[in-house]
Amino acid sequence: MIIRRDNSYYEISNKKERCIDEEIPFEIPYSWSWARIESLFQINPRNNIPDETIVGFMPMSHIKAGFTNSFEYEEKLWKDVKSGFTHFADNDIIIAKISPCFQNRKSAIVHNLPSGYGAGTTELHVLRDCTNLLYMPFFLLIFKSCYFIQSGTKEFTGTAGQQRIGKNFMSKYLVPVPPYLEQKRIVKKMGDCIIKFNRF
């Protein structure tokens, strides 16, 4: 848990408190808070569903790049894709973890899958809301932001052409968390701006 006191930020973990002012990247409104991804999301969860369930299957080529929330899927039986692939479900955020797909913003909120479940390329990180208090489109905006992409590329591991962001980067990454209704207002405002931009 991260708290603000006397204009400083403190993280409480295992009953110990430490100042994290040096980790805070920028100022946020007083009504907002900072949180690490691991405190808001289950990272790379696994599905436990019957083998004969029809699910959506997504190779990387089926996830669109850029500032969209677009993807396609193939229908598969769960028993055929449950091993050796990444698991996800409706309302999860999927984020490509390998270069250059990460920089190209291959990320989306999964929705309308057959039976509500799916699997896909192993080159994804999956975030599942563990609070039931998050407006997922707001967090997708964060994960498509230049700041997040630049922060991730600085933490790449692996050889050229096969570089990735690891689970530890995702777990410890700090995200700003506005009140729920403000999350929705921000997403609507961004959508309005995109519509106006596309008219020119």
N, C-alpha and C. Protein backbone atom coordinates (compact mmCIF):
# COMPACT_ATOMS: atom_id res chain seq x y z
N MET A 1 0.84 -1.19 0.00
CA MET A 1 0.00 0.00 0.00
C MET A 1 0.88 1.25 0.00
N ILE A 2 0.47 2.24 -0.78
CA ILE A 2 1.21 3.50 -0.86
C ILE A 2 0.33 4.62 -0.30
N ILE A 3 0.88 5.38 0.64
CA ILE A 3 0.14 6.48 1.26
C ILE A 3 0.90 7.78 1.04
N ARG A 4 0.17 8.89 1.13
CA ARG A 4 0.79 10.21 1.03
C ARG A 4 0.67 10.89 2.39
N ARG A 5 1.78 11.41 2.88
CA ARG A 5 1.80 12.08 4.17
C ARG A 5 2.86 13.17 4.16
N ASP A 6 2.46 14.37 4.54
CA ASP A 6 3.40 15.50 4.60
C ASP A 6 4.11 15.71 3.27
N ASN A 7 3.32 15.62 2.18
CA ASN A 7 3.84 15.85 0.83
C ASN A 7 4.90 14.84 0.40
N SER A 8 4.91 13.69 1.04
CA SER A 8 5.80 12.61 0.64
C SER A 8 4.99 11.32 0.50
N TYR A 9 5.57 10.37 -0.23
CA TYR A 9 4.90 9.08 -0.44
C TYR A 9 5.66 7.98 0.31
N TYR A 10 4.86 7.10 0.95
CA TYR A 10 5.44 6.02 1.72
C TYR A 10 4.76 4.71 1.32
N GLU A 11 5.58 3.67 1.17
CA GLU A 11 5.05 2.35 0.83
C GLU A 11 5.13 1.47 2.07
N ILE A 12 4.00 0.83 2.39
CA ILE A 12 3.93 -0.06 3.55
C ILE A 12 3.89 -1.49 3.05
N SER A 13 4.88 -2.26 3.46
CA SER A 13 4.97 -3.67 3.06
C SER A 13 5.56 -4.48 4.20
N ASN A 14 4.92 -5.60 4.52
CA ASN A 14 5.38 -6.45 5.62
C ASN A 14 5.55 -5.65 6.91
N LYS A 15 4.60 -4.76 7.15
CA LYS A 15 4.55 -3.93 8.37
C LYS A 15 5.71 -2.95 8.47
N LYS A 16 6.43 -2.76 7.33
CA LYS A 16 7.52 -1.78 7.30
C LYS A 16 7.14 -0.66 6.34
N GLU A 17 7.59 0.54 6.65
CA GLU A 17 7.27 1.72 5.87
C GLU A 17 8.54 2.35 5.34
N ARG A 18 8.55 2.70 4.06
CA ARG A 18 9.72 3.37 3.50
C ARG A 18 9.27 4.48 2.56
N CYS A 19 10.05 5.55 2.50
CA CYS A 19 9.75 6.67 1.62
C CYS A 19 10.13 6.29 0.19
N ILE A 20 9.22 6.54 -0.77
CA ILE A 20 9.49 6.21 -2.17
C ILE A 20 9.44 7.46 -3.04
N ASP A 21 9.71 8.62 -2.46
CA ASP A 21 9.64 9.87 -3.24
C ASP A 21 10.50 9.80 -4.49
N GLU A 22 11.65 9.14 -4.42
CA GLU A 22 12.54 9.09 -5.59
C GLU A 22 11.97 8.25 -6.72
N GLU A 23 10.99 7.40 -6.43
CA GLU A 23 10.39 6.56 -7.46
C GLU A 23 9.17 7.21 -8.11
N ILE A 24 8.63 8.25 -7.48
CA ILE A 24 7.41 8.88 -8.01
C ILE A 24 7.77 9.68 -9.24
N PRO A 25 7.20 9.35 -10.41
CA PRO A 25 7.64 9.97 -11.67
C PRO A 25 7.11 11.37 -11.93
N PHE A 26 5.92 11.68 -11.39
CA PHE A 26 5.34 13.00 -11.64
C PHE A 26 4.24 13.26 -10.60
N GLU A 27 3.84 14.51 -10.51
CA GLU A 27 2.80 14.89 -9.55
C GLU A 27 1.42 14.48 -10.06
N ILE A 28 0.54 14.15 -9.14
CA ILE A 28 -0.84 13.82 -9.46
C ILE A 28 -1.76 14.63 -8.56
N PRO A 29 -3.03 14.80 -8.96
CA PRO A 29 -3.97 15.50 -8.07
C PRO A 29 -4.09 14.83 -6.71
N TYR A 30 -4.45 15.61 -5.72
CA TYR A 30 -4.47 15.09 -4.35
C TYR A 30 -5.49 13.96 -4.18
N SER A 31 -6.55 13.98 -4.99
CA SER A 31 -7.58 12.94 -4.87
C SER A 31 -7.18 11.62 -5.52
N TRP A 32 -6.05 11.62 -6.24
CA TRP A 32 -5.56 10.41 -6.87
C TRP A 32 -4.60 9.69 -5.91
N SER A 33 -4.21 8.50 -6.29
CA SER A 33 -3.22 7.76 -5.51
C SER A 33 -2.26 7.04 -6.46
N TRP A 34 -1.15 6.57 -5.91
CA TRP A 34 -0.22 5.73 -6.66
C TRP A 34 -0.37 4.28 -6.19
N ALA A 35 -0.21 3.35 -7.12
CA ALA A 35 -0.26 1.93 -6.77
C ALA A 35 0.65 1.16 -7.71
N ARG A 36 1.19 0.08 -7.21
CA ARG A 36 1.96 -0.82 -8.08
C ARG A 36 0.98 -1.76 -8.79
N ILE A 37 1.33 -2.13 -10.00
CA ILE A 37 0.45 -3.00 -10.78
C ILE A 37 0.06 -4.24 -10.00
N GLU A 38 1.00 -4.82 -9.27
CA GLU A 38 0.73 -6.07 -8.56
C GLU A 38 -0.33 -5.92 -7.47
N SER A 39 -0.58 -4.68 -7.02
CA SER A 39 -1.60 -4.48 -5.99
C SER A 39 -2.99 -4.28 -6.59
N LEU A 40 -3.07 -4.09 -7.89
CA LEU A 40 -4.34 -3.85 -8.57
C LEU A 40 -4.77 -5.02 -9.44
N PHE A 41 -3.79 -5.74 -9.97
CA PHE A 41 -4.07 -6.77 -10.97
C PHE A 41 -3.43 -8.10 -10.58
N GLN A 42 -4.10 -9.17 -10.96
CA GLN A 42 -3.47 -10.48 -10.99
C GLN A 42 -2.70 -10.56 -12.30
N ILE A 43 -1.42 -10.89 -12.23
CA ILE A 43 -0.57 -10.88 -13.41
C ILE A 43 -0.42 -12.29 -13.96
N ASN A 44 -0.73 -12.44 -15.23
CA ASN A 44 -0.62 -13.73 -15.93
C ASN A 44 -1.38 -14.85 -15.22
N PRO A 45 -2.70 -14.65 -15.03
CA PRO A 45 -3.51 -15.67 -14.35
C PRO A 45 -3.70 -16.90 -15.24
N ARG A 46 -4.17 -17.96 -14.63
CA ARG A 46 -4.47 -19.19 -15.37
C ARG A 46 -5.97 -19.47 -15.28
N ASN A 47 -6.52 -19.99 -16.36
CA ASN A 47 -7.94 -20.35 -16.40
C ASN A 47 -8.12 -21.81 -16.02
N ASN A 48 -9.20 -22.10 -15.35
CA ASN A 48 -9.54 -23.47 -14.99
C ASN A 48 -10.96 -23.75 -15.46
N ILE A 49 -11.05 -24.26 -16.68
CA ILE A 49 -12.36 -24.48 -17.31
C ILE A 49 -12.37 -25.86 -17.97
N PRO A 50 -13.55 -26.40 -18.27
CA PRO A 50 -13.64 -27.74 -18.87
C PRO A 50 -12.94 -27.82 -20.24
N ASP A 51 -12.38 -28.97 -20.53
CA ASP A 51 -11.62 -29.18 -21.76
C ASP A 51 -12.44 -28.94 -23.02
N GLU A 52 -13.73 -29.22 -22.98
CA GLU A 52 -14.56 -29.12 -24.19
C GLU A 52 -15.12 -27.71 -24.41
N THR A 53 -14.71 -26.75 -23.60
CA THR A 53 -15.17 -25.37 -23.75
C THR A 53 -14.58 -24.77 -25.02
N ILE A 54 -15.41 -24.10 -25.80
CA ILE A 54 -14.93 -23.37 -26.98
C ILE A 54 -14.43 -22.00 -26.52
N VAL A 55 -13.19 -21.66 -26.89
CA VAL A 55 -12.57 -20.41 -26.45
C VAL A 55 -12.01 -19.66 -27.65
N GLY A 56 -11.58 -18.41 -27.42
CA GLY A 56 -10.92 -17.64 -28.45
C GLY A 56 -9.42 -17.82 -28.39
N PHE A 57 -8.80 -18.03 -29.55
CA PHE A 57 -7.35 -18.21 -29.62
C PHE A 57 -6.74 -17.07 -30.43
N MET A 58 -5.68 -16.45 -29.88
CA MET A 58 -5.07 -15.29 -30.52
C MET A 58 -3.56 -15.44 -30.67
N PRO A 59 -3.07 -15.68 -31.88
CA PRO A 59 -1.64 -15.48 -32.13
C PRO A 59 -1.36 -13.97 -32.15
N MET A 60 -0.11 -13.59 -32.10
CA MET A 60 0.24 -12.17 -32.06
C MET A 60 -0.30 -11.42 -33.26
N SER A 61 -0.35 -12.07 -34.41
CA SER A 61 -0.82 -11.42 -35.63
C SER A 61 -2.27 -10.98 -35.53
N HIS A 62 -3.03 -11.52 -34.57
CA HIS A 62 -4.44 -11.19 -34.44
C HIS A 62 -4.68 -9.98 -33.52
N ILE A 63 -3.62 -9.43 -32.94
CA ILE A 63 -3.74 -8.27 -32.06
C ILE A 63 -3.26 -7.04 -32.81
N LYS A 64 -4.12 -6.04 -32.91
CA LYS A 64 -3.81 -4.85 -33.70
C LYS A 64 -2.87 -3.92 -32.93
N ALA A 65 -1.98 -3.25 -33.66
CA ALA A 65 -1.04 -2.30 -33.07
C ALA A 65 -1.67 -0.91 -32.98
N GLY A 66 -0.98 0.00 -32.27
CA GLY A 66 -1.42 1.39 -32.21
C GLY A 66 -2.35 1.67 -31.05
N PHE A 67 -3.09 2.77 -31.17
CA PHE A 67 -3.95 3.24 -30.08
C PHE A 67 -5.37 2.71 -30.21
N THR A 68 -5.51 1.53 -30.79
CA THR A 68 -6.83 0.91 -30.94
C THR A 68 -7.03 -0.11 -29.82
N ASN A 69 -8.23 -0.66 -29.77
CA ASN A 69 -8.52 -1.77 -28.87
C ASN A 69 -9.11 -2.89 -29.72
N SER A 70 -8.32 -3.33 -30.71
CA SER A 70 -8.84 -4.25 -31.73
C SER A 70 -8.05 -5.55 -31.75
N PHE A 71 -8.77 -6.62 -31.95
CA PHE A 71 -8.15 -7.95 -32.07
C PHE A 71 -9.12 -8.88 -32.77
N GLU A 72 -8.61 -10.01 -33.21
CA GLU A 72 -9.43 -11.06 -33.79
C GLU A 72 -9.06 -12.36 -33.08
N TYR A 73 -9.90 -13.36 -33.22
CA TYR A 73 -9.58 -14.65 -32.60
C TYR A 73 -10.11 -15.78 -33.47
N GLU A 74 -9.54 -16.95 -33.25
CA GLU A 74 -10.03 -18.18 -33.85
C GLU A 74 -10.69 -19.00 -32.76
N GLU A 75 -11.69 -19.76 -33.10
CA GLU A 75 -12.34 -20.61 -32.11
C GLU A 75 -11.59 -21.95 -32.00
N LYS A 76 -11.30 -22.31 -30.76
CA LYS A 76 -10.59 -23.57 -30.48
C LYS A 76 -11.22 -24.24 -29.27
N LEU A 77 -10.99 -25.53 -29.13
CA LEU A 77 -11.35 -26.22 -27.90
C LEU A 77 -10.28 -25.96 -26.85
N TRP A 78 -10.72 -25.77 -25.62
CA TRP A 78 -9.78 -25.44 -24.55
C TRP A 78 -8.69 -26.50 -24.40
N LYS A 79 -9.04 -27.76 -24.57
CA LYS A 79 -8.06 -28.82 -24.38
C LYS A 79 -6.91 -28.71 -25.38
N ASP A 80 -7.15 -28.03 -26.52
CA ASP A 80 -6.12 -27.92 -27.55
C ASP A 80 -5.19 -26.73 -27.34
N VAL A 81 -5.57 -25.79 -26.47
CA VAL A 81 -4.75 -24.58 -26.30
C VAL A 81 -4.41 -24.27 -24.85
N LYS A 82 -4.85 -25.10 -23.92
CA LYS A 82 -4.65 -24.77 -22.50
C LYS A 82 -3.20 -24.93 -22.07
N SER A 83 -2.43 -25.74 -22.80
CA SER A 83 -1.03 -25.96 -22.46
C SER A 83 -0.14 -25.26 -23.48
N GLY A 84 0.89 -24.59 -22.98
CA GLY A 84 1.87 -23.96 -23.86
C GLY A 84 1.46 -22.61 -24.40
N PHE A 85 0.36 -22.04 -23.87
CA PHE A 85 -0.08 -20.73 -24.32
C PHE A 85 -0.46 -19.86 -23.12
N THR A 86 -0.60 -18.58 -23.37
CA THR A 86 -1.00 -17.63 -22.35
C THR A 86 -2.51 -17.68 -22.17
N HIS A 87 -2.99 -17.64 -20.93
CA HIS A 87 -4.42 -17.66 -20.65
C HIS A 87 -4.94 -16.24 -20.43
N PHE A 88 -6.18 -16.00 -20.85
CA PHE A 88 -6.84 -14.73 -20.54
C PHE A 88 -8.35 -14.94 -20.56
N ALA A 89 -9.07 -13.89 -20.17
CA ALA A 89 -10.53 -13.96 -20.10
C ALA A 89 -11.10 -12.58 -20.38
N ASP A 90 -12.42 -12.51 -20.59
CA ASP A 90 -13.07 -11.22 -20.83
C ASP A 90 -12.70 -10.22 -19.74
N ASN A 91 -12.43 -8.99 -20.15
CA ASN A 91 -12.08 -7.84 -19.31
C ASN A 91 -10.62 -7.84 -18.87
N ASP A 92 -9.83 -8.82 -19.28
CA ASP A 92 -8.38 -8.77 -19.02
C ASP A 92 -7.73 -7.80 -20.00
N ILE A 93 -6.63 -7.20 -19.57
CA ILE A 93 -5.78 -6.43 -20.48
C ILE A 93 -4.63 -7.32 -20.91
N ILE A 94 -4.41 -7.39 -22.22
CA ILE A 94 -3.27 -8.14 -22.74
C ILE A 94 -2.27 -7.13 -23.32
N ILE A 95 -0.97 -7.37 -23.04
CA ILE A 95 0.08 -6.45 -23.47
C ILE A 95 1.22 -7.29 -24.07
N ALA A 96 1.56 -7.02 -25.32
CA ALA A 96 2.71 -7.70 -25.93
C ALA A 96 3.97 -7.37 -25.14
N LYS A 97 4.78 -8.38 -24.84
CA LYS A 97 5.97 -8.15 -24.03
C LYS A 97 7.26 -8.20 -24.82
N ILE A 98 7.18 -8.53 -26.10
CA ILE A 98 8.39 -8.70 -26.90
C ILE A 98 8.53 -7.54 -27.90
N SER A 99 9.78 -7.18 -28.17
CA SER A 99 10.07 -6.14 -29.17
C SER A 99 9.93 -6.75 -30.58
N PRO A 100 9.41 -6.00 -31.56
CA PRO A 100 8.92 -4.62 -31.51
C PRO A 100 7.43 -4.49 -31.21
N CYS A 101 6.76 -5.62 -30.90
CA CYS A 101 5.31 -5.57 -30.67
C CYS A 101 4.97 -4.70 -29.47
N PHE A 102 5.84 -4.73 -28.45
CA PHE A 102 5.62 -3.88 -27.27
C PHE A 102 5.62 -2.41 -27.66
N GLN A 103 6.67 -1.99 -28.40
CA GLN A 103 6.75 -0.58 -28.81
C GLN A 103 5.62 -0.21 -29.77
N ASN A 104 5.13 -1.18 -30.52
CA ASN A 104 4.06 -0.92 -31.49
C ASN A 104 2.67 -0.89 -30.83
N ARG A 105 2.65 -1.07 -29.51
CA ARG A 105 1.41 -0.98 -28.72
C ARG A 105 0.40 -2.06 -29.09
N LYS A 106 0.88 -3.29 -29.20
CA LYS A 106 -0.05 -4.41 -29.39
C LYS A 106 -0.61 -4.76 -28.02
N SER A 107 -1.71 -4.13 -27.69
CA SER A 107 -2.36 -4.33 -26.40
C SER A 107 -3.84 -4.09 -26.57
N ALA A 108 -4.64 -4.69 -25.69
CA ALA A 108 -6.10 -4.58 -25.82
C ALA A 108 -6.78 -5.05 -24.55
N ILE A 109 -8.05 -4.66 -24.42
CA ILE A 109 -8.92 -5.25 -23.40
C ILE A 109 -9.69 -6.36 -24.08
N VAL A 110 -9.55 -7.56 -23.59
CA VAL A 110 -10.21 -8.72 -24.20
C VAL A 110 -11.70 -8.69 -23.86
N HIS A 111 -12.54 -8.94 -24.86
CA HIS A 111 -13.99 -8.93 -24.62
C HIS A 111 -14.69 -9.79 -25.68
N ASN A 112 -15.87 -10.24 -25.32
CA ASN A 112 -16.73 -11.02 -26.22
C ASN A 112 -16.06 -12.28 -26.75
N LEU A 113 -15.27 -12.93 -25.91
CA LEU A 113 -14.68 -14.21 -26.30
C LEU A 113 -15.73 -15.32 -26.19
N PRO A 114 -15.60 -16.38 -26.98
CA PRO A 114 -16.50 -17.52 -26.81
C PRO A 114 -16.38 -18.06 -25.38
N SER A 115 -17.48 -18.19 -24.70
CA SER A 115 -17.51 -18.66 -23.31
C SER A 115 -16.80 -17.71 -22.34
N GLY A 116 -16.28 -16.58 -22.84
CA GLY A 116 -15.62 -15.61 -21.97
C GLY A 116 -14.15 -15.89 -21.70
N TYR A 117 -13.58 -16.90 -22.38
CA TYR A 117 -12.19 -17.29 -22.11
C TYR A 117 -11.38 -17.42 -23.39
N GLY A 118 -10.05 -17.37 -23.22
CA GLY A 118 -9.20 -17.52 -24.37
C GLY A 118 -7.77 -17.86 -24.00
N ALA A 119 -6.97 -18.05 -25.04
CA ALA A 119 -5.54 -18.31 -24.89
C ALA A 119 -4.86 -17.77 -26.13
N GLY A 120 -3.55 -17.56 -26.03
CA GLY A 120 -2.85 -17.03 -27.19
C GLY A 120 -1.35 -17.09 -27.04
N THR A 121 -0.68 -16.32 -27.87
CA THR A 121 0.76 -16.28 -27.90
C THR A 121 1.37 -16.17 -26.49
N THR A 122 2.49 -16.82 -26.31
CA THR A 122 3.18 -16.73 -25.02
C THR A 122 3.85 -15.39 -24.81
N GLU A 123 3.89 -14.57 -25.86
CA GLU A 123 4.57 -13.27 -25.76
C GLU A 123 3.62 -12.17 -25.27
N LEU A 124 2.79 -12.50 -24.30
CA LEU A 124 1.86 -11.54 -23.71
C LEU A 124 2.01 -11.52 -22.20
N HIS A 125 1.82 -10.33 -21.62
CA HIS A 125 1.51 -10.22 -20.21
C HIS A 125 0.01 -9.98 -20.11
N VAL A 126 -0.62 -10.59 -19.12
CA VAL A 126 -2.06 -10.46 -18.93
C VAL A 126 -2.32 -9.86 -17.55
N LEU A 127 -3.19 -8.86 -17.50
CA LEU A 127 -3.56 -8.21 -16.25
C LEU A 127 -5.05 -8.39 -16.01
N ARG A 128 -5.38 -8.97 -14.87
CA ARG A 128 -6.79 -9.21 -14.49
C ARG A 128 -7.10 -8.41 -13.22
N ASP A 129 -8.11 -7.58 -13.30
CA ASP A 129 -8.50 -6.74 -12.16
C ASP A 129 -8.79 -7.62 -10.94
N CYS A 130 -8.05 -7.40 -9.86
CA CYS A 130 -8.30 -8.17 -8.64
C CYS A 130 -9.00 -7.33 -7.58
N THR A 131 -9.45 -6.13 -7.96
CA THR A 131 -10.12 -5.24 -7.02
C THR A 131 -11.60 -5.07 -7.33
N ASN A 132 -11.99 -5.31 -8.59
CA ASN A 132 -13.35 -5.04 -9.08
C ASN A 132 -13.72 -3.56 -8.94
N LEU A 133 -12.69 -2.70 -8.94
CA LEU A 133 -12.91 -1.26 -8.77
C LEU A 133 -12.27 -0.44 -9.88
N LEU A 134 -11.77 -1.11 -10.92
CA LEU A 134 -11.00 -0.42 -11.95
C LEU A 134 -11.81 -0.29 -13.24
N TYR A 135 -11.65 0.86 -13.89
CA TYR A 135 -12.22 1.05 -15.22
C TYR A 135 -11.12 0.72 -16.22
N MET A 136 -11.21 -0.45 -16.82
CA MET A 136 -10.09 -0.99 -17.57
C MET A 136 -9.66 -0.12 -18.76
N PRO A 137 -10.58 0.57 -19.47
CA PRO A 137 -10.11 1.43 -20.57
C PRO A 137 -9.14 2.51 -20.11
N PHE A 138 -9.27 3.00 -18.88
CA PHE A 138 -8.32 3.99 -18.37
C PHE A 138 -6.92 3.38 -18.28
N PHE A 139 -6.85 2.17 -17.78
CA PHE A 139 -5.53 1.54 -17.61
C PHE A 139 -4.94 1.12 -18.95
N LEU A 140 -5.79 0.78 -19.91
CA LEU A 140 -5.27 0.50 -21.25
C LEU A 140 -4.60 1.76 -21.81
N LEU A 141 -5.19 2.93 -21.58
CA LEU A 141 -4.55 4.18 -22.00
C LEU A 141 -3.17 4.33 -21.39
N ILE A 142 -3.06 4.01 -20.11
CA ILE A 142 -1.75 4.09 -19.45
C ILE A 142 -0.75 3.18 -20.14
N PHE A 143 -1.18 1.95 -20.46
CA PHE A 143 -0.24 0.97 -21.02
C PHE A 143 0.07 1.22 -22.49
N LYS A 144 -0.66 2.13 -23.12
CA LYS A 144 -0.33 2.56 -24.47
C LYS A 144 0.41 3.90 -24.47
N SER A 145 0.61 4.49 -23.30
CA SER A 145 1.22 5.82 -23.23
C SER A 145 2.71 5.76 -23.58
N CYS A 146 3.21 6.89 -24.09
CA CYS A 146 4.64 6.98 -24.41
C CYS A 146 5.49 6.74 -23.16
N TYR A 147 5.03 7.24 -22.02
CA TYR A 147 5.81 7.09 -20.79
C TYR A 147 5.97 5.62 -20.42
N PHE A 148 4.88 4.85 -20.51
CA PHE A 148 4.97 3.43 -20.18
C PHE A 148 5.86 2.70 -21.17
N ILE A 149 5.70 2.98 -22.46
CA ILE A 149 6.51 2.30 -23.48
C ILE A 149 7.99 2.62 -23.28
N GLN A 150 8.31 3.89 -23.05
CA GLN A 150 9.71 4.27 -22.84
C GLN A 150 10.28 3.63 -21.57
N SER A 151 9.46 3.58 -20.51
CA SER A 151 9.92 2.94 -19.27
C SER A 151 10.19 1.46 -19.49
N GLY A 152 9.33 0.80 -20.25
CA GLY A 152 9.50 -0.62 -20.50
C GLY A 152 10.73 -0.93 -21.33
N THR A 153 10.97 -0.14 -22.37
CA THR A 153 12.12 -0.42 -23.24
C THR A 153 13.44 -0.25 -22.48
N LYS A 154 13.46 0.59 -21.46
CA LYS A 154 14.67 0.75 -20.64
C LYS A 154 14.95 -0.49 -19.81
N GLU A 155 13.91 -1.31 -19.60
CA GLU A 155 14.05 -2.50 -18.76
C GLU A 155 14.07 -3.79 -19.56
N PHE A 156 14.23 -3.68 -20.87
CA PHE A 156 14.27 -4.87 -21.72
C PHE A 156 15.39 -5.82 -21.27
N THR A 157 15.12 -7.10 -21.41
CA THR A 157 16.15 -8.13 -21.23
C THR A 157 16.16 -8.99 -22.48
N GLY A 158 17.25 -9.69 -22.70
CA GLY A 158 17.35 -10.58 -23.85
C GLY A 158 18.24 -10.01 -24.93
N THR A 159 18.40 -10.78 -25.99
CA THR A 159 19.27 -10.39 -27.09
C THR A 159 18.52 -9.54 -28.10
N ALA A 160 19.26 -8.86 -28.96
CA ALA A 160 18.66 -8.01 -29.99
C ALA A 160 17.67 -8.81 -30.83
N GLY A 161 16.50 -8.24 -31.05
CA GLY A 161 15.47 -8.91 -31.82
C GLY A 161 14.59 -9.83 -31.00
N GLN A 162 15.02 -10.14 -29.77
CA GLN A 162 14.24 -11.01 -28.89
C GLN A 162 14.19 -10.39 -27.48
N GLN A 163 14.05 -9.08 -27.42
CA GLN A 163 14.03 -8.41 -26.13
C GLN A 163 12.60 -8.34 -25.59
N ARG A 164 12.49 -8.43 -24.26
CA ARG A 164 11.18 -8.50 -23.62
C ARG A 164 11.16 -7.68 -22.33
N ILE A 165 9.94 -7.29 -21.93
CA ILE A 165 9.77 -6.76 -20.58
C ILE A 165 9.35 -7.93 -19.69
N GLY A 166 9.98 -8.01 -18.52
CA GLY A 166 9.74 -9.13 -17.63
C GLY A 166 8.57 -8.90 -16.68
N LYS A 167 8.19 -9.96 -15.97
CA LYS A 167 7.09 -9.87 -15.02
C LYS A 167 7.43 -8.94 -13.87
N ASN A 168 8.71 -8.87 -13.49
CA ASN A 168 9.07 -8.00 -12.37
C ASN A 168 8.82 -6.53 -12.71
N PHE A 169 9.14 -6.13 -13.96
CA PHE A 169 8.85 -4.76 -14.37
C PHE A 169 7.36 -4.48 -14.26
N MET A 170 6.53 -5.41 -14.76
CA MET A 170 5.09 -5.22 -14.69
C MET A 170 4.61 -5.14 -13.25
N SER A 171 5.11 -6.01 -12.41
CA SER A 171 4.65 -6.07 -11.02
C SER A 171 4.91 -4.77 -10.27
N LYS A 172 6.11 -4.22 -10.46
CA LYS A 172 6.55 -3.09 -9.65
C LYS A 172 6.24 -1.73 -10.28
N TYR A 173 5.72 -1.72 -11.49
CA TYR A 173 5.46 -0.46 -12.17
C TYR A 173 4.40 0.34 -11.42
N LEU A 174 4.66 1.63 -11.23
CA LEU A 174 3.73 2.52 -10.52
C LEU A 174 2.74 3.14 -11.51
N VAL A 175 1.46 3.04 -11.17
CA VAL A 175 0.42 3.66 -12.00
C VAL A 175 -0.37 4.65 -11.16
N PRO A 176 -0.77 5.78 -11.76
CA PRO A 176 -1.64 6.72 -11.06
C PRO A 176 -3.08 6.21 -11.09
N VAL A 177 -3.78 6.34 -9.97
CA VAL A 177 -5.15 5.81 -9.87
C VAL A 177 -6.10 6.93 -9.45
N PRO A 178 -6.84 7.49 -10.41
CA PRO A 178 -7.86 8.48 -10.06
C PRO A 178 -9.09 7.78 -9.46
N PRO A 179 -10.00 8.54 -8.85
CA PRO A 179 -11.29 7.95 -8.47
C PRO A 179 -11.98 7.36 -9.70
N TYR A 180 -12.82 6.35 -9.48
CA TYR A 180 -13.42 5.59 -10.58
C TYR A 180 -14.12 6.48 -11.60
N LEU A 181 -14.96 7.40 -11.14
CA LEU A 181 -15.69 8.24 -12.08
C LEU A 181 -14.75 9.14 -12.88
N GLU A 182 -13.65 9.53 -12.27
CA GLU A 182 -12.68 10.34 -13.00
C GLU A 182 -11.95 9.51 -14.05
N GLN A 183 -11.71 8.24 -13.75
CA GLN A 183 -11.14 7.35 -14.76
C GLN A 183 -12.03 7.34 -16.00
N LYS A 184 -13.35 7.25 -15.79
CA LYS A 184 -14.29 7.21 -16.91
C LYS A 184 -14.31 8.54 -17.66
N ARG A 185 -14.25 9.65 -16.91
CA ARG A 185 -14.27 10.97 -17.57
C ARG A 185 -13.03 11.16 -18.44
N ILE A 186 -11.88 10.71 -17.96
CA ILE A 186 -10.64 10.85 -18.72
C ILE A 186 -10.72 10.05 -20.03
N VAL A 187 -11.24 8.84 -19.96
CA VAL A 187 -11.35 8.01 -21.15
C VAL A 187 -12.31 8.65 -22.15
N LYS A 188 -13.43 9.18 -21.66
CA LYS A 188 -14.37 9.84 -22.57
C LYS A 188 -13.73 11.06 -23.22
N LYS A 189 -13.00 11.85 -22.44
CA LYS A 189 -12.35 13.03 -22.99
C LYS A 189 -11.33 12.65 -24.05
N MET A 190 -10.56 11.60 -23.78
CA MET A 190 -9.58 11.14 -24.77
C MET A 190 -10.29 10.68 -26.04
N GLY A 191 -11.41 9.98 -25.88
CA GLY A 191 -12.16 9.54 -27.04
C GLY A 191 -12.69 10.71 -27.85
N ASP A 192 -13.18 11.74 -27.18
CA ASP A 192 -13.66 12.94 -27.87
C ASP A 192 -12.53 13.61 -28.64
N CYS A 193 -11.35 13.67 -28.03
CA CYS A 193 -10.19 14.30 -28.70
C CYS A 193 -9.79 13.52 -29.94
N ILE A 194 -9.82 12.20 -29.87
CA ILE A 194 -9.45 11.37 -31.01
C ILE A 194 -10.44 11.57 -32.15
N ILE A 195 -11.74 11.65 -31.81
CA ILE A 195 -12.76 11.86 -32.84
C ILE A 195 -12.52 13.20 -33.54
N LYS A 196 -12.24 14.26 -32.77
CA LYS A 196 -12.01 15.57 -33.35
C LYS A 196 -10.76 15.56 -34.23
N PHE A 197 -9.71 14.88 -33.77
CA PHE A 197 -8.46 14.81 -34.54
C PHE A 197 -8.70 14.12 -35.88
N ASN A 198 -9.49 13.05 -35.86
CA ASN A 198 -9.72 12.27 -37.08
C ASN A 198 -10.58 12.99 -38.11
N ARG A 199 -11.20 14.10 -37.72
CA ARG A 199 -12.01 14.87 -38.66
C ARG A 199 -11.16 15.73 -39.57
N PHE A 200 -9.90 15.96 -39.19
CA PHE A 200 -9.02 16.84 -40.00
C PHE A 200 -8.29 16.04 -41.06
